[in-house]
């Protein structure tokens, strides 16, 4: 199995966040209670992990989702079309556009613990 590669869990596709091992849904339908055509489907845009101490113990994974149908129509995001992943990662305007309050589409953050609490 390839690290970080999407995998199926029943009908739900999951992405394994590499550092934490946490599985994150590619779409939020199951988390939000099924497809809601009024809101549109939210798709995974990126994921990361919060670690603690010098040993980099993963505490939680976090995923950022956007409403796909409206995001592709966004004039704020259109300026980044055709850019490479590296170019997008290095341009702070991408993050400003994704998190702007007046961008016209829904966004969600999903936080999943990477460790069991006893």
PDB file of N, CA and C in Angstrom:
ATOM      1  N   UNK A   1       0.837  -1.185   0.000  1.00  0.00           N
ATOM      2  CA  UNK A   1       0.000   0.000   0.000  1.00  0.00           C
ATOM      3  C   UNK A   1       0.877   1.241   0.000  1.00  0.00           C
ATOM      4  N   UNK A   2       0.587   2.155  -0.886  1.00  0.00           N
ATOM      5  CA  UNK A   2       1.362   3.388  -1.019  1.00  0.00           C
ATOM      6  C   UNK A   2       0.985   4.364   0.087  1.00  0.00           C
ATOM      7  N   UNK A   3       1.994   4.994   0.693  1.00  0.00           N
ATOM      8  CA  UNK A   3       1.749   5.969   1.749  1.00  0.00           C
ATOM      9  C   UNK A   3       0.905   7.121   1.217  1.00  0.00           C
ATOM     10  N   UNK A   4      -0.114   7.508   1.969  1.00  0.00           N
ATOM     11  CA  UNK A   4      -0.932   8.644   1.607  1.00  0.00           C
ATOM     12  C   UNK A   4      -1.904   8.399   0.470  1.00  0.00           C
ATOM     13  N   UNK A   5      -1.869   7.194  -0.116  1.00  0.00           N
ATOM     14  CA  UNK A   5      -2.745   6.901  -1.249  1.00  0.00           C
ATOM     15  C   UNK A   5      -4.178   6.722  -0.767  1.00  0.00           C
ATOM     16  N   UNK A   6      -5.163   7.219  -1.525  1.00  0.00           N
ATOM     17  CA  UNK A   6      -6.556   7.015  -1.156  1.00  0.00           C
ATOM     18  C   UNK A   6      -6.894   5.533  -1.138  1.00  0.00           C
ATOM     19  N   UNK A   7      -7.746   5.152  -0.210  1.00  0.00           N
ATOM     20  CA  UNK A   7      -8.193   3.772  -0.153  1.00  0.00           C
ATOM     21  C   UNK A   7      -9.680   3.748   0.151  1.00  0.00           C
ATOM     22  N   UNK A   8     -10.337   2.682  -0.233  1.00  0.00           N
ATOM     23  CA  UNK A   8     -11.766   2.574  -0.016  1.00  0.00           C
ATOM     24  C   UNK A   8     -12.076   1.960   1.327  1.00  0.00           C
ATOM     25  N   UNK A   9     -13.120   2.429   1.947  1.00  0.00           N
ATOM     26  CA  UNK A   9     -13.639   1.836   3.176  1.00  0.00           C
ATOM     27  C   UNK A   9     -15.130   1.728   2.955  1.00  0.00           C
ATOM     28  N   UNK A  10     -15.558   0.592   2.427  1.00  0.00           N
ATOM     29  CA  UNK A  10     -16.934   0.488   1.980  1.00  0.00           C
ATOM     30  C   UNK A  10     -17.083   1.365   0.762  1.00  0.00           C
ATOM     31  N   UNK A  11     -17.971   2.337   0.839  1.00  0.00           N
ATOM     32  CA  UNK A  11     -18.160   3.254  -0.286  1.00  0.00           C
ATOM     33  C   UNK A  11     -17.398   4.558  -0.086  1.00  0.00           C
ATOM     34  N   UNK A  12     -16.800   4.739   1.087  1.00  0.00           N
ATOM     35  CA  UNK A  12     -16.123   5.995   1.392  1.00  0.00           C
ATOM     36  C   UNK A  12     -14.635   5.904   1.053  1.00  0.00           C
ATOM     37  N   UNK A  13     -14.136   6.868   0.290  1.00  0.00           N
ATOM     38  CA  UNK A  13     -12.703   6.932  -0.011  1.00  0.00           C
ATOM     39  C   UNK A  13     -11.992   7.696   1.097  1.00  0.00           C
ATOM     40  N   UNK A  14     -10.849   7.152   1.523  1.00  0.00           N
ATOM     41  CA  UNK A  14     -10.085   7.750   2.606  1.00  0.00           C
ATOM     42  C   UNK A  14      -8.667   8.053   2.159  1.00  0.00           C
ATOM     43  N   UNK A  15      -8.086   9.062   2.772  1.00  0.00           N
ATOM     44  CA  UNK A  15      -6.679   9.381   2.571  1.00  0.00           C
ATOM     45  C   UNK A  15      -5.980   9.132   3.902  1.00  0.00           C
ATOM     46  N   UNK A  16      -4.858   8.435   3.862  1.00  0.00           N
ATOM     47  CA  UNK A  16      -4.084   8.200   5.082  1.00  0.00           C
ATOM     48  C   UNK A  16      -3.058   9.319   5.215  1.00  0.00           C
ATOM     49  N   UNK A  17      -3.193  10.107   6.277  1.00  0.00           N
ATOM     50  CA  UNK A  17      -2.228  11.165   6.552  1.00  0.00           C
ATOM     51  C   UNK A  17      -0.946  10.477   7.010  1.00  0.00           C
ATOM     52  N   UNK A  18       0.157  10.722   6.305  1.00  0.00           N
ATOM     53  CA  UNK A  18       1.389   9.951   6.476  1.00  0.00           C
ATOM     54  C   UNK A  18       1.983   9.962   7.881  1.00  0.00           C
ATOM     55  N   UNK A  19       2.129  11.121   8.486  1.00  0.00           N
ATOM     56  CA  UNK A  19       2.836  11.204   9.768  1.00  0.00           C
ATOM     57  C   UNK A  19       2.035  10.649  10.938  1.00  0.00           C
ATOM     58  N   UNK A  20       0.710  10.802  10.903  1.00  0.00           N
ATOM     59  CA  UNK A  20      -0.120  10.359  12.024  1.00  0.00           C
ATOM     60  C   UNK A  20      -0.739   8.988  11.799  1.00  0.00           C
ATOM     61  N   UNK A  21      -0.898   8.595  10.538  1.00  0.00           N
ATOM     62  CA  UNK A  21      -1.584   7.346  10.226  1.00  0.00           C
ATOM     63  C   UNK A  21      -3.099   7.465  10.272  1.00  0.00           C
ATOM     64  N   UNK A  22      -3.614   8.659  10.537  1.00  0.00           N
ATOM     65  CA  UNK A  22      -5.058   8.891  10.618  1.00  0.00           C
ATOM     66  C   UNK A  22      -5.657   8.848   9.219  1.00  0.00           C
ATOM     67  N   UNK A  23      -6.817   8.198   9.100  1.00  0.00           N
ATOM     68  CA  UNK A  23      -7.532   8.136   7.825  1.00  0.00           C
ATOM     69  C   UNK A  23      -8.564   9.260   7.778  1.00  0.00           C
ATOM     70  N   UNK A  24      -8.509  10.041   6.710  1.00  0.00           N
ATOM     71  CA  UNK A  24      -9.402  11.186   6.526  1.00  0.00           C
ATOM     72  C   UNK A  24     -10.262  10.970   5.294  1.00  0.00           C
ATOM     73  N   UNK A  25     -11.558  11.289   5.377  1.00  0.00           N
ATOM     74  CA  UNK A  25     -12.417  11.121   4.204  1.00  0.00           C
ATOM     75  C   UNK A  25     -12.063  12.122   3.105  1.00  0.00           C
ATOM     76  N   UNK A  26     -12.122  11.667   1.845  1.00  0.00           N
ATOM     77  CA  UNK A  26     -11.891  12.575   0.721  1.00  0.00           C
ATOM     78  C   UNK A  26     -13.073  13.515   0.522  1.00  0.00           C
ATOM     79  N   UNK A  27     -14.266  13.073   0.960  1.00  0.00           N
ATOM     80  CA  UNK A  27     -15.479  13.893   0.886  1.00  0.00           C
ATOM     81  C   UNK A  27     -16.132  13.892   2.257  1.00  0.00           C
ATOM     82  N   UNK A  28     -16.768  14.992   2.636  1.00  0.00           N
ATOM     83  CA  UNK A  28     -17.379  15.093   3.958  1.00  0.00           C
ATOM     84  C   UNK A  28     -18.821  14.599   4.010  1.00  0.00           C
ATOM     85  N   UNK A  29     -19.331  13.982   2.974  1.00  0.00           N
ATOM     86  CA  UNK A  29     -20.720  13.522   2.973  1.00  0.00           C
ATOM     87  C   UNK A  29     -21.053  12.694   4.206  1.00  0.00           C
ATOM     88  N   UNK A  30     -20.207  11.724   4.536  1.00  0.00           N
ATOM     89  CA  UNK A  30     -20.508  10.831   5.654  1.00  0.00           C
ATOM     90  C   UNK A  30     -20.419  11.566   6.990  1.00  0.00           C
ATOM     91  N   UNK A  31     -19.508  12.500   7.104  1.00  0.00           N
ATOM     92  CA  UNK A  31     -19.341  13.248   8.345  1.00  0.00           C
ATOM     93  C   UNK A  31     -20.493  14.232   8.534  1.00  0.00           C
ATOM     94  N   UNK A  32     -20.945  14.843   7.444  1.00  0.00           N
ATOM     95  CA  UNK A  32     -22.014  15.841   7.514  1.00  0.00           C
ATOM     96  C   UNK A  32     -23.406  15.234   7.429  1.00  0.00           C
ATOM     97  N   UNK A  33     -23.505  13.908   7.366  1.00  0.00           N
ATOM     98  CA  UNK A  33     -24.806  13.261   7.359  1.00  0.00           C
ATOM     99  C   UNK A  33     -25.341  12.950   5.983  1.00  0.00           C
ATOM    100  N   UNK A  34     -24.498  12.716   5.028  1.00  0.00           N
ATOM    101  CA  UNK A  34     -24.939  12.349   3.689  1.00  0.00           C
ATOM    102  C   UNK A  34     -24.896  13.526   2.745  1.00  0.00           C
ATOM    103  N   UNK A  35     -25.072  13.246   1.455  1.00  0.00           N
ATOM    104  CA  UNK A  35     -24.999  14.330   0.477  1.00  0.00           C
ATOM    105  C   UNK A  35     -26.112  15.354   0.695  1.00  0.00           C
ATOM    106  N   UNK A  36     -25.746  16.598   0.672  1.00  0.00           N
ATOM    107  CA  UNK A  36     -26.704  17.689   0.813  1.00  0.00           C
ATOM    108  C   UNK A  36     -26.554  18.563  -0.421  1.00  0.00           C
ATOM    109  N   UNK A  37     -27.469  18.421  -1.353  1.00  0.00           N
ATOM    110  CA  UNK A  37     -27.345  19.117  -2.629  1.00  0.00           C
ATOM    111  C   UNK A  37     -27.534  20.628  -2.500  1.00  0.00           C
ATOM    112  N   UNK A  38     -28.091  21.080  -1.387  1.00  0.00           N
ATOM    113  CA  UNK A  38     -28.207  22.523  -1.181  1.00  0.00           C
ATOM    114  C   UNK A  38     -26.846  23.126  -0.875  1.00  0.00           C
ATOM    115  N   UNK A  39     -26.033  22.407  -0.106  1.00  0.00           N
ATOM    116  CA  UNK A  39     -24.701  22.902   0.257  1.00  0.00           C
ATOM    117  C   UNK A  39     -23.662  22.533  -0.781  1.00  0.00           C
ATOM    118  N   UNK A  40     -23.811  21.401  -1.427  1.00  0.00           N
ATOM    119  CA  UNK A  40     -22.779  20.920  -2.338  1.00  0.00           C
ATOM    120  C   UNK A  40     -21.784  20.050  -1.599  1.00  0.00           C
ATOM    121  N   UNK A  41     -21.088  19.236  -2.347  1.00  0.00           N
ATOM    122  CA  UNK A  41     -20.147  18.288  -1.764  1.00  0.00           C
ATOM    123  C   UNK A  41     -18.847  18.993  -1.390  1.00  0.00           C
ATOM    124  N   UNK A  42     -18.399  18.754  -0.165  1.00  0.00           N
ATOM    125  CA  UNK A  42     -17.127  19.312   0.276  1.00  0.00           C
ATOM    126  C   UNK A  42     -16.028  18.277   0.055  1.00  0.00           C
ATOM    127  N   UNK A  43     -14.935  18.714  -0.583  1.00  0.00           N
ATOM    128  CA  UNK A  43     -13.832  17.813  -0.922  1.00  0.00           C
ATOM    129  C   UNK A  43     -12.562  18.238  -0.184  1.00  0.00           C
ATOM    130  N   UNK A  44     -11.715  17.261   0.077  1.00  0.00           N
ATOM    131  CA  UNK A  44     -10.463  17.487   0.789  1.00  0.00           C
ATOM    132  C   UNK A  44      -9.509  18.322  -0.056  1.00  0.00           C
ATOM    133  N   UNK A  45      -9.006  19.402   0.530  1.00  0.00           N
ATOM    134  CA  UNK A  45      -8.042  20.268  -0.155  1.00  0.00           C
ATOM    135  C   UNK A  45      -6.629  20.069   0.376  1.00  0.00           C
ATOM    136  N   UNK A  46      -6.526  19.683   1.631  1.00  0.00           N
ATOM    137  CA  UNK A  46      -5.207  19.500   2.225  1.00  0.00           C
ATOM    138  C   UNK A  46      -5.315  18.941   3.622  1.00  0.00           C
ATOM    139  N   UNK A  47      -4.224  18.351   4.094  1.00  0.00           N
ATOM    140  CA  UNK A  47      -4.205  17.757   5.428  1.00  0.00           C
ATOM    141  C   UNK A  47      -2.817  17.895   6.026  1.00  0.00           C
ATOM    142  N   UNK A  48      -2.773  17.866   7.336  1.00  0.00           N
ATOM    143  CA  UNK A  48      -1.505  17.936   8.038  1.00  0.00           C
ATOM    144  C   UNK A  48      -1.652  17.345   9.419  1.00  0.00           C
ATOM    145  N   UNK A  49      -0.590  17.444  10.195  1.00  0.00           N
ATOM    146  CA  UNK A  49      -0.582  16.840  11.523  1.00  0.00           C
ATOM    147  C   UNK A  49       0.040  17.808  12.521  1.00  0.00           C
ATOM    148  N   UNK A  50      -0.485  17.790  13.741  1.00  0.00           N
ATOM    149  CA  UNK A  50       0.111  18.536  14.843  1.00  0.00           C
ATOM    150  C   UNK A  50       0.894  17.539  15.681  1.00  0.00           C
ATOM    151  N   UNK A  51       2.175  17.830  15.898  1.00  0.00           N
ATOM    152  CA  UNK A  51       3.015  16.934  16.693  1.00  0.00           C
ATOM    153  C   UNK A  51       3.483  17.641  17.959  1.00  0.00           C
ATOM    154  N   UNK A  52       3.878  16.842  18.935  1.00  0.00           N
ATOM    155  CA  UNK A  52       4.327  17.367  20.218  1.00  0.00           C
ATOM    156  C   UNK A  52       5.690  16.784  20.560  1.00  0.00           C
ATOM    157  N   UNK A  53       6.554  17.561  21.131  1.00  0.00           N
ATOM    158  CA  UNK A  53       7.892  17.218  21.616  1.00  0.00           C
ATOM    159  C   UNK A  53       8.887  16.990  20.484  1.00  0.00           C
ATOM    160  N   UNK A  54      10.137  16.831  20.872  1.00  0.00           N
ATOM    161  CA  UNK A  54      11.208  16.623  19.894  1.00  0.00           C
ATOM    162  C   UNK A  54      11.083  15.273  19.198  1.00  0.00           C
ATOM    163  N   UNK A  55      10.310  14.362  19.773  1.00  0.00           N
ATOM    164  CA  UNK A  55      10.112  13.044  19.164  1.00  0.00           C
ATOM    165  C   UNK A  55       9.025  13.071  18.095  1.00  0.00           C
ATOM    166  N   UNK A  56       8.404  14.229  17.925  1.00  0.00           N
ATOM    167  CA  UNK A  56       7.340  14.427  16.934  1.00  0.00           C
ATOM    168  C   UNK A  56       6.221  13.397  17.065  1.00  0.00           C
ATOM    169  N   UNK A  57       5.696  13.261  18.266  1.00  0.00           N
ATOM    170  CA  UNK A  57       4.569  12.365  18.511  1.00  0.00           C
ATOM    171  C   UNK A  57       3.320  13.010  17.917  1.00  0.00           C
ATOM    172  N   UNK A  58       2.630  12.331  16.987  1.00  0.00           N
ATOM    173  CA  UNK A  58       1.432  12.931  16.385  1.00  0.00           C
ATOM    174  C   UNK A  58       0.287  13.005  17.398  1.00  0.00           C
ATOM    175  N   UNK A  59      -0.293  14.194  17.556  1.00  0.00           N
ATOM    176  CA  UNK A  59      -1.404  14.401  18.478  1.00  0.00           C
ATOM    177  C   UNK A  59      -2.734  14.355  17.725  1.00  0.00           C
ATOM    178  N   UNK A  60      -2.831  15.105  16.631  1.00  0.00           N
ATOM    179  CA  UNK A  60      -4.048  15.051  15.818  1.00  0.00           C
ATOM    180  C   UNK A  60      -3.730  15.386  14.372  1.00  0.00           C
ATOM    181  N   UNK A  61      -4.614  14.926  13.505  1.00  0.00           N
ATOM    182  CA  UNK A  61      -4.550  15.279  12.085  1.00  0.00           C
ATOM    183  C   UNK A  61      -5.660  16.290  11.829  1.00  0.00           C
ATOM    184  N   UNK A  62      -5.406  17.193  10.915  1.00  0.00           N
ATOM    185  CA  UNK A  62      -6.397  18.205  10.563  1.00  0.00           C
ATOM    186  C   UNK A  62      -6.554  18.225   9.047  1.00  0.00           C
ATOM    187  N   UNK A  63      -7.790  18.353   8.600  1.00  0.00           N
ATOM    188  CA  UNK A  63      -8.079  18.355   7.165  1.00  0.00           C
ATOM    189  C   UNK A  63      -8.926  19.581   6.829  1.00  0.00           C
ATOM    190  N   UNK A  64      -8.671  20.150   5.656  1.00  0.00           N
ATOM    191  CA  UNK A  64      -9.381  21.338   5.186  1.00  0.00           C
ATOM    192  C   UNK A  64     -10.199  20.957   3.959  1.00  0.00           C
ATOM    193  N   UNK A  65     -11.497  21.271   3.988  1.00  0.00           N
ATOM    194  CA  UNK A  65     -12.422  20.922   2.912  1.00  0.00           C
ATOM    195  C   UNK A  65     -13.079  22.180   2.359  1.00  0.00           C
ATOM    196  N   UNK A  66     -13.397  22.153   1.062  1.00  0.00           N
ATOM    197  CA  UNK A  66     -14.158  23.240   0.449  1.00  0.00           C
ATOM    198  C   UNK A  66     -15.295  22.654  -0.383  1.00  0.00           C
ATOM    199  N   UNK A  67     -16.323  23.455  -0.553  1.00  0.00           N
ATOM    200  CA  UNK A  67     -17.468  23.077  -1.379  1.00  0.00           C
ATOM    201  C   UNK A  67     -17.032  23.136  -2.845  1.00  0.00           C
ATOM    202  N   UNK A  68     -16.871  21.986  -3.446  1.00  0.00           N
ATOM    203  CA  UNK A  68     -16.244  21.868  -4.768  1.00  0.00           C
ATOM    204  C   UNK A  68     -16.974  22.646  -5.860  1.00  0.00           C
ATOM    205  N   UNK A  69     -18.280  22.489  -5.928  1.00  0.00           N
ATOM    206  CA  UNK A  69     -19.040  23.089  -7.036  1.00  0.00           C
ATOM    207  C   UNK A  69     -18.877  24.609  -7.078  1.00  0.00           C
ATOM    208  N   UNK A  70     -18.969  25.244  -5.937  1.00  0.00           N
ATOM    209  CA  UNK A  70     -18.846  26.703  -5.909  1.00  0.00           C
ATOM    210  C   UNK A  70     -17.394  27.167  -5.941  1.00  0.00           C
ATOM    211  N   UNK A  71     -16.488  26.371  -5.392  1.00  0.00           N
ATOM    212  CA  UNK A  71     -15.072  26.764  -5.384  1.00  0.00           C
ATOM    213  C   UNK A  71     -14.516  26.851  -6.802  1.00  0.00           C
ATOM    214  N   UNK A  72     -14.917  25.937  -7.681  1.00  0.00           N
ATOM    215  CA  UNK A  72     -14.396  25.980  -9.056  1.00  0.00           C
ATOM    216  C   UNK A  72     -14.948  27.181  -9.825  1.00  0.00           C
ATOM    217  N   UNK A  73     -16.027  27.766  -9.342  1.00  0.00           N
ATOM    218  CA  UNK A  73     -16.596  28.955  -9.976  1.00  0.00           C
ATOM    219  C   UNK A  73     -16.059  30.254  -9.371  1.00  0.00           C
ATOM    220  N   UNK A  74     -15.248  30.135  -8.340  1.00  0.00           N
ATOM    221  CA  UNK A  74     -14.741  31.302  -7.616  1.00  0.00           C
ATOM    222  C   UNK A  74     -13.771  32.114  -8.471  1.00  0.00           C
ATOM    223  N   UNK A  75     -14.046  33.403  -8.569  1.00  0.00           N
ATOM    224  CA  UNK A  75     -13.124  34.277  -9.299  1.00  0.00           C
ATOM    225  C   UNK A  75     -11.836  34.487  -8.507  1.00  0.00           C
ATOM    226  N   UNK A  76     -11.922  34.385  -7.182  1.00  0.00           N
ATOM    227  CA  UNK A  76     -10.717  34.523  -6.356  1.00  0.00           C
ATOM    228  C   UNK A  76      -9.734  33.384  -6.610  1.00  0.00           C
ATOM    229  N   UNK A  77     -10.246  32.178  -6.844  1.00  0.00           N
ATOM    230  CA  UNK A  77      -9.371  31.024  -7.063  1.00  0.00           C
ATOM    231  C   UNK A  77      -8.953  30.880  -8.523  1.00  0.00           C
ATOM    232  N   UNK A  78      -9.694  31.488  -9.447  1.00  0.00           N
ATOM    233  CA  UNK A  78      -9.403  31.350 -10.882  1.00  0.00           C
ATOM    234  C   UNK A  78      -7.997  31.821 -11.237  1.00  0.00           C
ATOM    235  N   UNK A  79      -7.483  32.791 -10.517  1.00  0.00           N
ATOM    236  CA  UNK A  79      -6.148  33.322 -10.813  1.00  0.00           C
ATOM    237  C   UNK A  79      -5.032  32.302 -10.592  1.00  0.00           C
ATOM    238  N   UNK A  80      -5.329  31.209  -9.888  1.00  0.00           N
ATOM    239  CA  UNK A  80      -4.301  30.206  -9.592  1.00  0.00           C
ATOM    240  C   UNK A  80      -4.371  28.990 -10.515  1.00  0.00           C
ATOM    241  N   UNK A  81      -5.301  29.001 -11.440  1.00  0.00           N
ATOM    242  CA  UNK A  81      -5.461  27.878 -12.366  1.00  0.00           C
ATOM    243  C   UNK A  81      -4.188  27.687 -13.198  1.00  0.00           C
ATOM    244  N   UNK A  82      -3.770  26.435 -13.338  1.00  0.00           N
ATOM    245  CA  UNK A  82      -2.607  26.108 -14.147  1.00  0.00           C
ATOM    246  C   UNK A  82      -1.277  26.177 -13.413  1.00  0.00           C
ATOM    247  N   UNK A  83      -1.297  26.524 -12.145  1.00  0.00           N
ATOM    248  CA  UNK A  83      -0.049  26.602 -11.376  1.00  0.00           C
ATOM    249  C   UNK A  83       0.343  25.225 -10.850  1.00  0.00           C
ATOM    250  N   UNK A  84       1.627  25.040 -10.624  1.00  0.00           N
ATOM    251  CA  UNK A  84       2.112  23.775 -10.068  1.00  0.00           C
ATOM    252  C   UNK A  84       1.828  23.735  -8.565  1.00  0.00           C
ATOM    253  N   UNK A  85       1.899  22.542  -7.987  1.00  0.00           N
ATOM    254  CA  UNK A  85       1.698  22.394  -6.546  1.00  0.00           C
ATOM    255  C   UNK A  85       2.707  23.252  -5.789  1.00  0.00           C
ATOM    256  N   UNK A  86       3.945  23.223  -6.208  1.00  0.00           N
ATOM    257  CA  UNK A  86       4.997  24.005  -5.544  1.00  0.00           C
ATOM    258  C   UNK A  86       4.677  25.502  -5.595  1.00  0.00           C
ATOM    259  N   UNK A  87       4.234  25.989  -6.752  1.00  0.00           N
ATOM    260  CA  UNK A  87       3.883  27.405  -6.877  1.00  0.00           C
ATOM    261  C   UNK A  87       2.728  27.759  -5.942  1.00  0.00           C
ATOM    262  N   UNK A  88       1.740  26.877  -5.854  1.00  0.00           N
ATOM    263  CA  UNK A  88       0.598  27.121  -4.973  1.00  0.00           C
ATOM    264  C   UNK A  88       1.030  27.137  -3.510  1.00  0.00           C
ATOM    265  N   UNK A  89       1.896  26.207  -3.133  1.00  0.00           N
ATOM    266  CA  UNK A  89       2.363  26.128  -1.748  1.00  0.00           C
ATOM    267  C   UNK A  89       3.149  27.364  -1.336  1.00  0.00           C
ATOM    268  N   UNK A  90       3.842  27.966  -2.268  1.00  0.00           N
ATOM    269  CA  UNK A  90       4.714  29.102  -1.951  1.00  0.00           C
ATOM    270  C   UNK A  90       4.029  30.461  -2.072  1.00  0.00           C
ATOM    271  N   UNK A  91       2.793  30.485  -2.525  1.00  0.00           N
ATOM    272  CA  UNK A  91       2.091  31.752  -2.727  1.00  0.00           C
ATOM    273  C   UNK A  91       1.074  31.971  -1.603  1.00  0.00           C
ATOM    274  N   UNK A  92       1.329  32.909  -0.681  1.00  0.00           N
ATOM    275  CA  UNK A  92       0.409  33.131   0.439  1.00  0.00           C
ATOM    276  C   UNK A  92      -0.976  33.603   0.001  1.00  0.00           C
ATOM    277  N   UNK A  93      -1.092  34.132  -1.214  1.00  0.00           N
ATOM    278  CA  UNK A  93      -2.405  34.575  -1.703  1.00  0.00           C
ATOM    279  C   UNK A  93      -3.368  33.407  -1.880  1.00  0.00           C
ATOM    280  N   UNK A  94      -2.836  32.204  -2.107  1.00  0.00           N
ATOM    281  CA  UNK A  94      -3.691  31.014  -2.234  1.00  0.00           C
ATOM    282  C   UNK A  94      -4.446  30.791  -0.927  1.00  0.00           C
ATOM    283  N   UNK A  95      -3.728  30.830   0.184  1.00  0.00           N
ATOM    284  CA  UNK A  95      -4.344  30.604   1.491  1.00  0.00           C
ATOM    285  C   UNK A  95      -5.310  31.724   1.849  1.00  0.00           C
ATOM    286  N   UNK A  96      -4.967  32.951   1.473  1.00  0.00           N
ATOM    287  CA  UNK A  96      -5.872  34.070   1.715  1.00  0.00           C
ATOM    288  C   UNK A  96      -7.169  33.883   0.932  1.00  0.00           C
ATOM    289  N   UNK A  97      -7.062  33.441  -0.316  1.00  0.00           N
ATOM    290  CA  UNK A  97      -8.251  33.224  -1.146  1.00  0.00           C
ATOM    291  C   UNK A  97      -9.099  32.073  -0.605  1.00  0.00           C
ATOM    292  N   UNK A  98      -8.452  31.003  -0.158  1.00  0.00           N
ATOM    293  CA  UNK A  98      -9.188  29.847   0.364  1.00  0.00           C
ATOM    294  C   UNK A  98      -9.916  30.157   1.662  1.00  0.00           C
ATOM    295  N   UNK A  99      -9.353  31.022   2.481  1.00  0.00           N
ATOM    296  CA  UNK A  99      -9.932  31.281   3.801  1.00  0.00           C
ATOM    297  C   UNK A  99     -10.716  32.585   3.883  1.00  0.00           C
ATOM    298  N   UNK A 100     -10.789  33.334   2.806  1.00  0.00           N
ATOM    299  CA  UNK A 100     -11.521  34.600   2.787  1.00  0.00           C
ATOM    300  C   UNK A 100     -12.997  34.375   3.109  1.00  0.00           C
ATOM    301  N   UNK A 101     -13.565  35.258   3.903  1.00  0.00           N
ATOM    302  CA  UNK A 101     -14.980  35.128   4.277  1.00  0.00           C
ATOM    303  C   UNK A 101     -15.930  35.378   3.109  1.00  0.00           C
ATOM    304  N   UNK A 102     -15.515  36.154   2.152  1.00  0.00           N
ATOM    305  CA  UNK A 102     -16.414  36.527   1.057  1.00  0.00           C
ATOM    306  C   UNK A 102     -16.118  35.757  -0.228  1.00  0.00           C
ATOM    307  N   UNK A 103     -15.739  34.494  -0.099  1.00  0.00           N
ATOM    308  CA  UNK A 103     -15.389  33.718  -1.289  1.00  0.00           C
ATOM    309  C   UNK A 103     -16.572  32.963  -1.888  1.00  0.00           C
ATOM    310  N   UNK A 104     -17.710  32.913  -1.211  1.00  0.00           N
ATOM    311  CA  UNK A 104     -18.917  32.345  -1.798  1.00  0.00           C
ATOM    312  C   UNK A 104     -19.069  30.839  -1.721  1.00  0.00           C
ATOM    313  N   UNK A 105     -18.250  30.144  -0.958  1.00  0.00           N
ATOM    314  CA  UNK A 105     -18.413  28.694  -0.811  1.00  0.00           C
ATOM    315  C   UNK A 105     -18.139  28.267   0.626  1.00  0.00           C
ATOM    316  N   UNK A 106     -18.736  27.132   0.992  1.00  0.00           N
ATOM    317  CA  UNK A 106     -18.579  26.584   2.338  1.00  0.00           C
ATOM    318  C   UNK A 106     -17.210  25.948   2.507  1.00  0.00           C
ATOM    319  N   UNK A 107     -16.696  26.022   3.721  1.00  0.00           N
ATOM    320  CA  UNK A 107     -15.435  25.358   4.082  1.00  0.00           C
ATOM    321  C   UNK A 107     -15.625  24.671   5.424  1.00  0.00           C
ATOM    322  N   UNK A 108     -14.827  23.631   5.649  1.00  0.00           N
ATOM    323  CA  UNK A 108     -14.868  22.921   6.928  1.00  0.00           C
ATOM    324  C   UNK A 108     -13.471  22.481   7.320  1.00  0.00           C
ATOM    325  N   UNK A 109     -13.247  22.399   8.622  1.00  0.00           N
ATOM    326  CA  UNK A 109     -12.042  21.793   9.176  1.00  0.00           C
ATOM    327  C   UNK A 109     -12.470  20.540   9.923  1.00  0.00           C
ATOM    328  N   UNK A 110     -11.742  19.470   9.729  1.00  0.00           N
ATOM    329  CA  UNK A 110     -11.996  18.220  10.444  1.00  0.00           C
ATOM    330  C   UNK A 110     -10.742  17.899  11.238  1.00  0.00           C
ATOM    331  N   UNK A 111     -10.906  17.700  12.538  1.00  0.00           N
ATOM    332  CA  UNK A 111      -9.781  17.353  13.402  1.00  0.00           C
ATOM    333  C   UNK A 111     -10.031  15.964  13.965  1.00  0.00           C
ATOM    334  N   UNK A 112      -9.060  15.074  13.777  1.00  0.00           N
ATOM    335  CA  UNK A 112      -9.168  13.709  14.296  1.00  0.00           C
ATOM    336  C   UNK A 112      -7.948  13.412  15.162  1.00  0.00           C
ATOM    337  N   UNK A 113      -8.204  12.915  16.368  1.00  0.00           N
ATOM    338  CA  UNK A 113      -7.106  12.559  17.262  1.00  0.00           C
ATOM    339  C   UNK A 113      -6.291  11.427  16.670  1.00  0.00           C
ATOM    340  N   UNK A 114      -4.984  11.524  16.832  1.00  0.00           N
ATOM    341  CA  UNK A 114      -4.084  10.500  16.306  1.00  0.00           C
ATOM    342  C   UNK A 114      -3.675   9.514  17.391  1.00  0.00           C
ATOM    343  N   UNK A 115      -4.117   9.770  18.618  1.00  0.00           N
ATOM    344  CA  UNK A 115      -3.734   8.891  19.715  1.00  0.00           C
ATOM    345  C   UNK A 115      -4.953   8.598  20.570  1.00  0.00           C
ATOM    346  N   UNK A 116      -4.890   7.501  21.284  1.00  0.00           N
ATOM    347  CA  UNK A 116      -5.979   7.152  22.181  1.00  0.00           C
ATOM    348  C   UNK A 116      -5.696   7.737  23.551  1.00  0.00           C
ATOM    349  N   UNK A 117      -6.709   8.322  24.141  1.00  0.00           N
ATOM    350  CA  UNK A 117      -6.573   8.879  25.479  1.00  0.00           C
ATOM    351  C   UNK A 117      -7.025   7.838  26.488  1.00  0.00           C
ATOM    352  N   UNK A 118      -6.243   7.668  27.536  1.00  0.00           N
ATOM    353  CA  UNK A 118      -6.615   6.677  28.558  1.00  0.00           C
ATOM    354  C   UNK A 118      -6.940   7.328  29.864  1.00  0.00           C
TER     355      UNK A 118
END
